[in-house]
Amino acid sequence: MARQNILVAVPLCCLFYSTDAFGVFSSARPLQASANAAVVSFSRNSVTLLRAEESAEEEGEKEDHGEHTGDAWQLPDEEATDILNSPAFLRRKIDVLKSDVEKVEVEIEEANKVLEANKLEWGPKLDDLQREYVNIQDRMSKQSREGEGTATIEVARKMLDVLDNYDRAFGQVNAETDEEKEVEAAYMKTKDMILNIFKTLDIKEVETVGTEFDYEFHQAVLQRPSEYEENIVCEELAKGYVLGDKLIRAAMVSVSAGTY
């Protein structure tokens, strides 16, 4: 609005001053002087308003663009504006945390109640299942060991037939030549290999001569007088073998009937 008033006032001033110069309106000089004074005063007021408006606009633009200088634009105190570290905020935060902890404790208590109730209902059944599971494991382990032992016993029994043939052959053949001795040594080496395998499998010979006759491990073939007391094994006719406490083959023996 101020800009429009100035645009109107300036042409009027020019008009009155120009008419005065050419003397066209010389008869109206008093009226012209009053009008000129009014126009000048109005123009000055309009210019003042315009300058005030421009100053206000410039200050507004400076504020919008952050063009403050000196003490007018300073960062606020960090401690004063740090809301997260203020005592009121921290107290509120503590209260919220306490409330959350109380809710969790209530939930835990309810869960424990449900757990105890389920224990009363399902506890004995679960214990029975656990015991049955342990028993099944023990039974399967025992069966596995027994199965391994049974397989070892079956293989050992087959190998004993080979050893018996070796013993019978060595008892019947007397090596005399170097070639026969080499053959006998080769067979003895093979027999020793089989016996070493028996030791590895924890297969042991049944004790015979000089021990009391045991019907579980000894097979009495005959009974005769000997230097041993009665019911003592006096002669071993065929070796017997055991795997732990299990008999692979009973030893064939002669039992003493007493001293001569």
C-alpha atoms as a PDB file:
ATOM      1  CA  MET A   1       0.000   0.000   0.000  1.00  0.00           C
ATOM      2  CA  ALA A   2       2.868   2.372   0.872  1.00  0.00           C
ATOM      3  CA  ARG A   3       4.494   1.678  -2.481  1.00  0.00           C
ATOM      4  CA  GLN A   4       1.282   2.637  -4.323  1.00  0.00           C
ATOM      5  CA  ASN A   5       0.950   5.951  -2.379  1.00  0.00           C
ATOM      6  CA  ILE A   6       4.478   6.948  -3.327  1.00  0.00           C
ATOM      7  CA  LEU A   7       3.865   6.119  -6.977  1.00  0.00           C
ATOM      8  CA  VAL A   8       0.800   8.455  -6.924  1.00  0.00           C
ATOM      9  CA  ALA A   9       2.509  11.216  -4.958  1.00  0.00           C
ATOM     10  CA  VAL A  10       5.593  11.528  -7.131  1.00  0.00           C
ATOM     11  CA  PRO A  11       3.713  12.358 -10.425  1.00  0.00           C
ATOM     12  CA  LEU A  12       1.559  14.878  -8.598  1.00  0.00           C
ATOM     13  CA  CYS A  13       4.629  16.672  -7.283  1.00  0.00           C
ATOM     14  CA  CYS A  14       6.125  16.790 -10.716  1.00  0.00           C
ATOM     15  CA  LEU A  15       2.866  18.133 -12.167  1.00  0.00           C
ATOM     16  CA  PHE A  16       2.533  21.010  -9.717  1.00  0.00           C
ATOM     17  CA  TYR A  17       6.157  22.011 -10.014  1.00  0.00           C
ATOM     18  CA  SER A  18       5.978  21.954 -13.791  1.00  0.00           C
ATOM     19  CA  THR A  19       2.861  24.138 -13.941  1.00  0.00           C
ATOM     20  CA  ASP A  20       4.550  26.625 -11.655  1.00  0.00           C
ATOM     21  CA  ALA A  21       7.527  26.848 -13.949  1.00  0.00           C
ATOM     22  CA  PHE A  22       5.547  27.601 -17.083  1.00  0.00           C
ATOM     23  CA  GLY A  23       3.127  29.996 -15.322  1.00  0.00           C
ATOM     24  CA  VAL A  24       0.013  28.312 -16.609  1.00  0.00           C
ATOM     25  CA  PHE A  25      -1.630  28.310 -13.210  1.00  0.00           C
ATOM     26  CA  SER A  26      -0.121  31.523 -11.862  1.00  0.00           C
ATOM     27  CA  SER A  27      -3.478  32.686 -10.602  1.00  0.00           C
ATOM     28  CA  ALA A  28      -3.770  29.717  -8.276  1.00  0.00           C
ATOM     29  CA  ARG A  29      -0.372  30.013  -6.524  1.00  0.00           C
ATOM     30  CA  PRO A  30      -1.727  30.050  -2.938  1.00  0.00           C
ATOM     31  CA  LEU A  31      -3.767  26.886  -3.556  1.00  0.00           C
ATOM     32  CA  GLN A  32      -0.855  25.324  -5.378  1.00  0.00           C
ATOM     33  CA  ALA A  33       1.505  26.024  -2.439  1.00  0.00           C
ATOM     34  CA  SER A  34      -0.869  24.350   0.013  1.00  0.00           C
ATOM     35  CA  ALA A  35      -1.245  21.371  -2.264  1.00  0.00           C
ATOM     36  CA  ASN A  36       2.481  21.118  -2.731  1.00  0.00           C
ATOM     37  CA  ALA A  37       3.051  21.121   1.021  1.00  0.00           C
ATOM     38  CA  ALA A  38       0.453  18.403   1.540  1.00  0.00           C
ATOM     39  CA  VAL A  39       1.913  16.280  -1.216  1.00  0.00           C
ATOM     40  CA  VAL A  40       5.431  16.637   0.147  1.00  0.00           C
ATOM     41  CA  SER A  41       4.279  15.692   3.649  1.00  0.00           C
ATOM     42  CA  PHE A  42       2.341  12.721   2.296  1.00  0.00           C
ATOM     43  CA  SER A  43       5.330  11.642   0.221  1.00  0.00           C
ATOM     44  CA  ARG A  44       7.647  11.804   3.211  1.00  0.00           C
ATOM     45  CA  ASN A  45       5.278   9.689   5.303  1.00  0.00           C
ATOM     46  CA  SER A  46       4.948   7.178   2.483  1.00  0.00           C
ATOM     47  CA  VAL A  47       8.727   6.939   2.094  1.00  0.00           C
ATOM     48  CA  THR A  48       9.087   6.423   5.836  1.00  0.00           C
ATOM     49  CA  LEU A  49       6.506   3.653   5.817  1.00  0.00           C
ATOM     50  CA  LEU A  50       8.163   2.043   2.815  1.00  0.00           C
ATOM     51  CA  ARG A  51      11.575   2.080   4.480  1.00  0.00           C
ATOM     52  CA  ALA A  52      10.088   0.621   7.663  1.00  0.00           C
ATOM     53  CA  GLU A  53       8.418  -2.134   5.671  1.00  0.00           C
ATOM     54  CA  GLU A  54      11.625  -2.911   3.769  1.00  0.00           C
ATOM     55  CA  SER A  55      13.569  -3.072   7.036  1.00  0.00           C
ATOM     56  CA  ALA A  56      11.001  -5.468   8.500  1.00  0.00           C
ATOM     57  CA  GLU A  57      11.180  -7.664   5.393  1.00  0.00           C
ATOM     58  CA  GLU A  58      14.987  -7.742   5.481  1.00  0.00           C
ATOM     59  CA  GLU A  59      14.980  -8.746   9.142  1.00  0.00           C
ATOM     60  CA  GLY A  60      12.428 -11.450   8.380  1.00  0.00           C
ATOM     61  CA  GLU A  61      14.592 -12.800   5.559  1.00  0.00           C
ATOM     62  CA  LYS A  62      17.633 -12.813   7.826  1.00  0.00           C
ATOM     63  CA  GLU A  63      15.718 -14.761  10.449  1.00  0.00           C
ATOM     64  CA  ASP A  64      14.506 -17.228   7.814  1.00  0.00           C
ATOM     65  CA  HIS A  65      18.018 -17.830   6.488  1.00  0.00           C
ATOM     66  CA  GLY A  66      19.618 -17.917   9.929  1.00  0.00           C
ATOM     67  CA  GLU A  67      21.711 -14.780   9.266  1.00  0.00           C
ATOM     68  CA  HIS A  68      22.015 -13.796  12.924  1.00  0.00           C
ATOM     69  CA  THR A  69      25.296 -12.494  14.223  1.00  0.00           C
ATOM     70  CA  GLY A  70      26.816 -11.865  17.617  1.00  0.00           C
ATOM     71  CA  ASP A  71      24.883 -12.830  20.724  1.00  0.00           C
ATOM     72  CA  ALA A  72      21.575 -12.916  18.846  1.00  0.00           C
ATOM     73  CA  TRP A  73      22.295 -16.468  17.584  1.00  0.00           C
ATOM     74  CA  GLN A  74      23.982 -18.810  20.053  1.00  0.00           C
ATOM     75  CA  LEU A  75      23.519 -22.523  20.673  1.00  0.00           C
ATOM     76  CA  PRO A  76      21.516 -23.116  23.834  1.00  0.00           C
ATOM     77  CA  ASP A  77      23.235 -24.611  26.809  1.00  0.00           C
ATOM     78  CA  GLU A  78      23.584 -28.360  26.259  1.00  0.00           C
ATOM     79  CA  GLU A  79      22.954 -29.207  29.894  1.00  0.00           C
ATOM     80  CA  ALA A  80      19.819 -27.058  29.941  1.00  0.00           C
ATOM     81  CA  THR A  81      18.342 -28.725  26.860  1.00  0.00           C
ATOM     82  CA  ASP A  82      19.495 -32.337  27.486  1.00  0.00           C
ATOM     83  CA  ILE A  83      16.094 -33.718  28.400  1.00  0.00           C
ATOM     84  CA  LEU A  84      17.272 -37.302  28.407  1.00  0.00           C
ATOM     85  CA  ASN A  85      19.620 -36.557  31.317  1.00  0.00           C
ATOM     86  CA  SER A  86      17.237 -34.406  33.286  1.00  0.00           C
ATOM     87  CA  PRO A  87      16.287 -35.703  36.766  1.00  0.00           C
ATOM     88  CA  ALA A  88      12.590 -35.655  35.975  1.00  0.00           C
ATOM     89  CA  PHE A  89      13.071 -37.743  32.833  1.00  0.00           C
ATOM     90  CA  LEU A  90      15.356 -40.190  34.615  1.00  0.00           C
ATOM     91  CA  ARG A  91      12.873 -40.599  37.484  1.00  0.00           C
ATOM     92  CA  ARG A  92      10.117 -41.244  34.964  1.00  0.00           C
ATOM     93  CA  LYS A  93      12.308 -43.755  33.174  1.00  0.00           C
ATOM     94  CA  ILE A  94      13.029 -45.570  36.441  1.00  0.00           C
ATOM     95  CA  ASP A  95       9.323 -45.730  37.205  1.00  0.00           C
ATOM     96  CA  VAL A  96       8.630 -47.228  33.771  1.00  0.00           C
ATOM     97  CA  LEU A  97      11.371 -49.810  34.233  1.00  0.00           C
ATOM     98  CA  LYS A  98      10.058 -50.743  37.660  1.00  0.00           C
ATOM     99  CA  SER A  99       6.601 -51.163  36.185  1.00  0.00           C
ATOM    100  CA  ASP A 100       7.966 -53.418  33.426  1.00  0.00           C
ATOM    101  CA  VAL A 101       9.905 -55.498  35.966  1.00  0.00           C
ATOM    102  CA  GLU A 102       6.785 -55.933  38.092  1.00  0.00           C
ATOM    103  CA  LYS A 103       4.831 -57.109  35.044  1.00  0.00           C
ATOM    104  CA  VAL A 104       7.535 -59.628  34.167  1.00  0.00           C
ATOM    105  CA  GLU A 105       7.637 -60.902  37.745  1.00  0.00           C
ATOM    106  CA  VAL A 106       3.886 -61.393  37.666  1.00  0.00           C
ATOM    107  CA  GLU A 107       4.162 -63.318  34.386  1.00  0.00           C
ATOM    108  CA  ILE A 108       6.953 -65.495  35.837  1.00  0.00           C
ATOM    109  CA  GLU A 109       4.878 -66.238  38.901  1.00  0.00           C
ATOM    110  CA  GLU A 110       1.912 -67.248  36.771  1.00  0.00           C
ATOM    111  CA  ALA A 111       4.147 -69.447  34.600  1.00  0.00           C
ATOM    112  CA  ASN A 112       5.546 -71.148  37.724  1.00  0.00           C
ATOM    113  CA  LYS A 113       2.029 -71.856  38.911  1.00  0.00           C
ATOM    114  CA  VAL A 114       1.181 -73.458  35.578  1.00  0.00           C
ATOM    115  CA  LEU A 115       4.426 -75.454  35.740  1.00  0.00           C
ATOM    116  CA  GLU A 116       3.669 -76.785  39.219  1.00  0.00           C
ATOM    117  CA  ALA A 117       0.158 -77.727  38.152  1.00  0.00           C
ATOM    118  CA  ASN A 118       1.501 -79.601  35.141  1.00  0.00           C
ATOM    119  CA  LYS A 119       4.073 -81.354  37.320  1.00  0.00           C
ATOM    120  CA  LEU A 120       1.323 -82.648  39.570  1.00  0.00           C
ATOM    121  CA  GLU A 121      -0.582 -83.936  36.570  1.00  0.00           C
ATOM    122  CA  TRP A 122       2.222 -85.189  34.327  1.00  0.00           C
ATOM    123  CA  GLY A 123       5.185 -85.558  36.687  1.00  0.00           C
ATOM    124  CA  PRO A 124       4.689 -89.253  37.594  1.00  0.00           C
ATOM    125  CA  LYS A 125       4.094 -90.161  33.960  1.00  0.00           C
ATOM    126  CA  LEU A 126       7.237 -88.347  32.874  1.00  0.00           C
ATOM    127  CA  ASP A 127       9.244 -90.110  35.595  1.00  0.00           C
ATOM    128  CA  ASP A 128       7.946 -93.477  34.418  1.00  0.00           C
ATOM    129  CA  LEU A 129       8.875 -92.657  30.847  1.00  0.00           C
ATOM    130  CA  GLN A 130      12.352 -91.571  31.939  1.00  0.00           C
ATOM    131  CA  ARG A 131      12.919 -94.810  33.844  1.00  0.00           C
ATOM    132  CA  GLU A 132      11.645 -96.846  30.921  1.00  0.00           C
ATOM    133  CA  TYR A 133      13.994 -94.944  28.594  1.00  0.00           C
ATOM    134  CA  VAL A 134      16.978 -95.697  30.844  1.00  0.00           C
ATOM    135  CA  ASN A 135      15.997 -99.366  31.054  1.00  0.00           C
ATOM    136  CA  ILE A 136      15.706 -99.598  27.276  1.00  0.00           C
ATOM    137  CA  GLN A 137      19.145 -98.047  26.866  1.00  0.00           C
ATOM    138  CA  ASP A 138      20.677-100.499  29.343  1.00  0.00           C
ATOM    139  CA  ARG A 139      18.929-103.435  27.714  1.00  0.00           C
ATOM    140  CA  MET A 140      20.026-102.429  24.223  1.00  0.00           C
ATOM    141  CA  SER A 141      23.592-101.887  25.398  1.00  0.00           C
ATOM    142  CA  LYS A 142      23.644-105.271  27.090  1.00  0.00           C
ATOM    143  CA  GLN A 143      22.191-106.968  24.031  1.00  0.00           C
ATOM    144  CA  SER A 144      24.789-105.268  21.859  1.00  0.00           C
ATOM    145  CA  ARG A 145      27.617-106.485  24.070  1.00  0.00           C
ATOM    146  CA  GLU A 146      26.109-109.948  24.197  1.00  0.00           C
ATOM    147  CA  GLY A 147      25.723-109.949  20.443  1.00  0.00           C
ATOM    148  CA  GLU A 148      29.355-109.030  19.973  1.00  0.00           C
ATOM    149  CA  GLY A 149      30.391-111.728  22.445  1.00  0.00           C
ATOM    150  CA  THR A 150      28.217-114.313  20.721  1.00  0.00           C
ATOM    151  CA  ALA A 151      29.721-113.494  17.338  1.00  0.00           C
ATOM    152  CA  THR A 152      33.239-113.725  18.771  1.00  0.00           C
ATOM    153  CA  ILE A 153      32.449-117.077  20.352  1.00  0.00           C
ATOM    154  CA  GLU A 154      31.117-118.473  17.078  1.00  0.00           C
ATOM    155  CA  VAL A 155      34.222-117.375  15.168  1.00  0.00           C
ATOM    156  CA  ALA A 156      36.520-118.735  17.889  1.00  0.00           C
ATOM    157  CA  ARG A 157      34.814-122.110  17.793  1.00  0.00           C
ATOM    158  CA  LYS A 158      35.427-122.337  14.060  1.00  0.00           C
ATOM    159  CA  MET A 159      39.079-121.456  14.555  1.00  0.00           C
ATOM    160  CA  LEU A 160      39.471-124.080  17.287  1.00  0.00           C
ATOM    161  CA  ASP A 161      38.850-126.785  14.711  1.00  0.00           C
ATOM    162  CA  VAL A 162      41.883-125.495  12.813  1.00  0.00           C
ATOM    163  CA  LEU A 163      44.009-125.460  15.975  1.00  0.00           C
ATOM    164  CA  ASP A 164      42.947-129.026  16.802  1.00  0.00           C
ATOM    165  CA  ASN A 165      44.094-130.167  13.373  1.00  0.00           C
ATOM    166  CA  TYR A 166      47.427-128.450  13.946  1.00  0.00           C
ATOM    167  CA  ASP A 167      47.858-130.186  17.317  1.00  0.00           C
ATOM    168  CA  ARG A 168      46.991-133.590  15.860  1.00  0.00           C
ATOM    169  CA  ALA A 169      49.372-133.066  12.939  1.00  0.00           C
ATOM    170  CA  PHE A 170      52.238-131.945  15.137  1.00  0.00           C
ATOM    171  CA  GLY A 171      51.631-134.988  17.345  1.00  0.00           C
ATOM    172  CA  GLN A 172      51.784-137.411  14.447  1.00  0.00           C
ATOM    173  CA  VAL A 173      54.533-135.910  12.267  1.00  0.00           C
ATOM    174  CA  ASN A 174      58.149-135.712  13.350  1.00  0.00           C
ATOM    175  CA  ALA A 175      60.084-133.320  11.134  1.00  0.00           C
ATOM    176  CA  GLU A 176      63.488-134.745  10.229  1.00  0.00           C
ATOM    177  CA  THR A 177      64.730-132.971   7.095  1.00  0.00           C
ATOM    178  CA  ASP A 178      65.306-129.256   6.737  1.00  0.00           C
ATOM    179  CA  GLU A 179      62.405-129.007   4.308  1.00  0.00           C
ATOM    180  CA  GLU A 180      60.047-130.708   6.763  1.00  0.00           C
ATOM    181  CA  LYS A 181      61.264-128.463   9.536  1.00  0.00           C
ATOM    182  CA  GLU A 182      60.551-125.381   7.401  1.00  0.00           C
ATOM    183  CA  VAL A 183      57.014-126.642   6.739  1.00  0.00           C
ATOM    184  CA  GLU A 184      56.511-127.350  10.441  1.00  0.00           C
ATOM    185  CA  ALA A 185      57.812-123.882  11.333  1.00  0.00           C
ATOM    186  CA  ALA A 186      55.373-122.276   8.874  1.00  0.00           C
ATOM    187  CA  TYR A 187      52.438-124.135  10.437  1.00  0.00           C
ATOM    188  CA  MET A 188      53.617-123.215  13.938  1.00  0.00           C
ATOM    189  CA  LYS A 189      53.794-119.567  12.881  1.00  0.00           C
ATOM    190  CA  THR A 190      50.228-119.712  11.634  1.00  0.00           C
ATOM    191  CA  LYS A 191      49.103-121.326  14.900  1.00  0.00           C
ATOM    192  CA  ASP A 192      50.843-118.622  16.939  1.00  0.00           C
ATOM    193  CA  MET A 193      49.082-115.945  14.870  1.00  0.00           C
ATOM    194  CA  ILE A 194      45.704-117.462  15.725  1.00  0.00           C
ATOM    195  CA  LEU A 195      46.590-117.650  19.434  1.00  0.00           C
ATOM    196  CA  ASN A 196      47.696-114.002  19.402  1.00  0.00           C
ATOM    197  CA  ILE A 197      44.334-113.063  17.908  1.00  0.00           C
ATOM    198  CA  PHE A 198      42.645-114.959  20.737  1.00  0.00           C
ATOM    199  CA  LYS A 199      44.616-112.917  23.268  1.00  0.00           C
ATOM    200  CA  THR A 200      43.567-109.725  21.517  1.00  0.00           C
ATOM    201  CA  LEU A 201      39.920-110.818  21.795  1.00  0.00           C
ATOM    202  CA  ASP A 202      40.459-111.669  25.484  1.00  0.00           C
ATOM    203  CA  ILE A 203      39.979-115.398  24.802  1.00  0.00           C
ATOM    204  CA  LYS A 204      41.812-117.472  27.409  1.00  0.00           C
ATOM    205  CA  GLU A 205      42.627-121.153  27.904  1.00  0.00           C
ATOM    206  CA  VAL A 206      40.795-123.110  30.583  1.00  0.00           C
ATOM    207  CA  GLU A 207      43.076-124.166  33.418  1.00  0.00           C
ATOM    208  CA  THR A 208      43.233-127.949  33.681  1.00  0.00           C
ATOM    209  CA  VAL A 209      46.062-130.026  35.234  1.00  0.00           C
ATOM    210  CA  GLY A 210      46.371-129.582  38.972  1.00  0.00           C
ATOM    211  CA  THR A 211      42.987-127.842  39.402  1.00  0.00           C
ATOM    212  CA  GLU A 212      39.821-129.240  40.893  1.00  0.00           C
ATOM    213  CA  PHE A 213      37.421-130.696  38.400  1.00  0.00           C
ATOM    214  CA  ASP A 214      34.703-128.159  37.427  1.00  0.00           C
ATOM    215  CA  TYR A 215      31.879-129.569  35.381  1.00  0.00           C
ATOM    216  CA  GLU A 216      31.140-126.127  33.880  1.00  0.00           C
ATOM    217  CA  PHE A 217      34.570-125.867  32.222  1.00  0.00           C
ATOM    218  CA  HIS A 218      35.881-129.443  32.189  1.00  0.00           C
ATOM    219  CA  GLN A 219      34.671-132.471  30.270  1.00  0.00           C
ATOM    220  CA  ALA A 220      35.831-135.687  31.956  1.00  0.00           C
ATOM    221  CA  VAL A 221      36.778-138.337  29.447  1.00  0.00           C
ATOM    222  CA  LEU A 222      38.121-140.913  31.944  1.00  0.00           C
ATOM    223  CA  GLN A 223      39.084-141.301  35.548  1.00  0.00           C
ATOM    224  CA  ARG A 224      42.238-143.056  36.665  1.00  0.00           C
ATOM    225  CA  PRO A 225      44.618-143.263  39.588  1.00  0.00           C
ATOM    226  CA  SER A 226      47.396-140.685  39.532  1.00  0.00           C
ATOM    227  CA  GLU A 227      49.780-138.767  41.737  1.00  0.00           C
ATOM    228  CA  TYR A 228      47.021-136.219  42.309  1.00  0.00           C
ATOM    229  CA  GLU A 229      44.302-136.432  44.884  1.00  0.00           C
ATOM    230  CA  GLU A 230      40.837-137.563  43.995  1.00  0.00           C
ATOM    231  CA  ASN A 231      38.735-135.259  41.833  1.00  0.00           C
ATOM    232  CA  ILE A 232      41.773-133.331  40.591  1.00  0.00           C
ATOM    233  CA  VAL A 233      42.455-133.012  36.878  1.00  0.00           C
ATOM    234  CA  CYS A 234      45.515-135.092  36.126  1.00  0.00           C
ATOM    235  CA  GLU A 235      45.717-134.872  32.340  1.00  0.00           C
ATOM    236  CA  GLU A 236      44.576-132.531  29.562  1.00  0.00           C
ATOM    237  CA  LEU A 237      43.401-134.258  26.395  1.00  0.00           C
ATOM    238  CA  ALA A 238      42.104-131.153  24.520  1.00  0.00           C
ATOM    239  CA  LYS A 239      42.358-127.485  25.384  1.00  0.00           C
ATOM    240  CA  GLY A 240      39.326-125.526  26.442  1.00  0.00           C
ATOM    241  CA  TYR A 241      38.731-121.784  25.966  1.00  0.00           C
ATOM    242  CA  VAL A 242      36.572-119.100  27.603  1.00  0.00           C
ATOM    243  CA  LEU A 243      35.588-115.528  26.740  1.00  0.00           C
ATOM    244  CA  GLY A 244      35.144-113.742  30.030  1.00  0.00           C
ATOM    245  CA  ASP A 245      32.732-115.889  32.000  1.00  0.00           C
ATOM    246  CA  LYS A 246      31.314-117.549  28.869  1.00  0.00           C
ATOM    247  CA  LEU A 247      32.518-120.956  27.821  1.00  0.00           C
ATOM    248  CA  ILE A 248      33.658-121.353  24.226  1.00  0.00           C
ATOM    249  CA  ARG A 249      34.638-124.984  24.542  1.00  0.00           C
ATOM    250  CA  ALA A 250      35.099-127.213  27.573  1.00  0.00           C
ATOM    251  CA  ALA A 251      38.507-128.773  28.119  1.00  0.00           C
ATOM    252  CA  MET A 252      38.636-132.561  27.710  1.00  0.00           C
ATOM    253  CA  VAL A 253      40.489-133.973  30.731  1.00  0.00           C
ATOM    254  CA  SER A 254      41.252-137.051  32.792  1.00  0.00           C
ATOM    255  CA  VAL A 255      40.268-136.883  36.434  1.00  0.00           C
ATOM    256  CA  SER A 256      42.300-138.492  39.188  1.00  0.00           C
ATOM    257  CA  ALA A 257      40.689-141.302  41.135  1.00  0.00           C
ATOM    258  CA  GLY A 258      43.184-140.935  43.921  1.00  0.00           C
ATOM    259  CA  THR A 259      46.796-141.732  44.519  1.00  0.00           C
ATOM    260  CA  TYR A 260      48.303-145.094  43.650  1.00  0.00           C
END
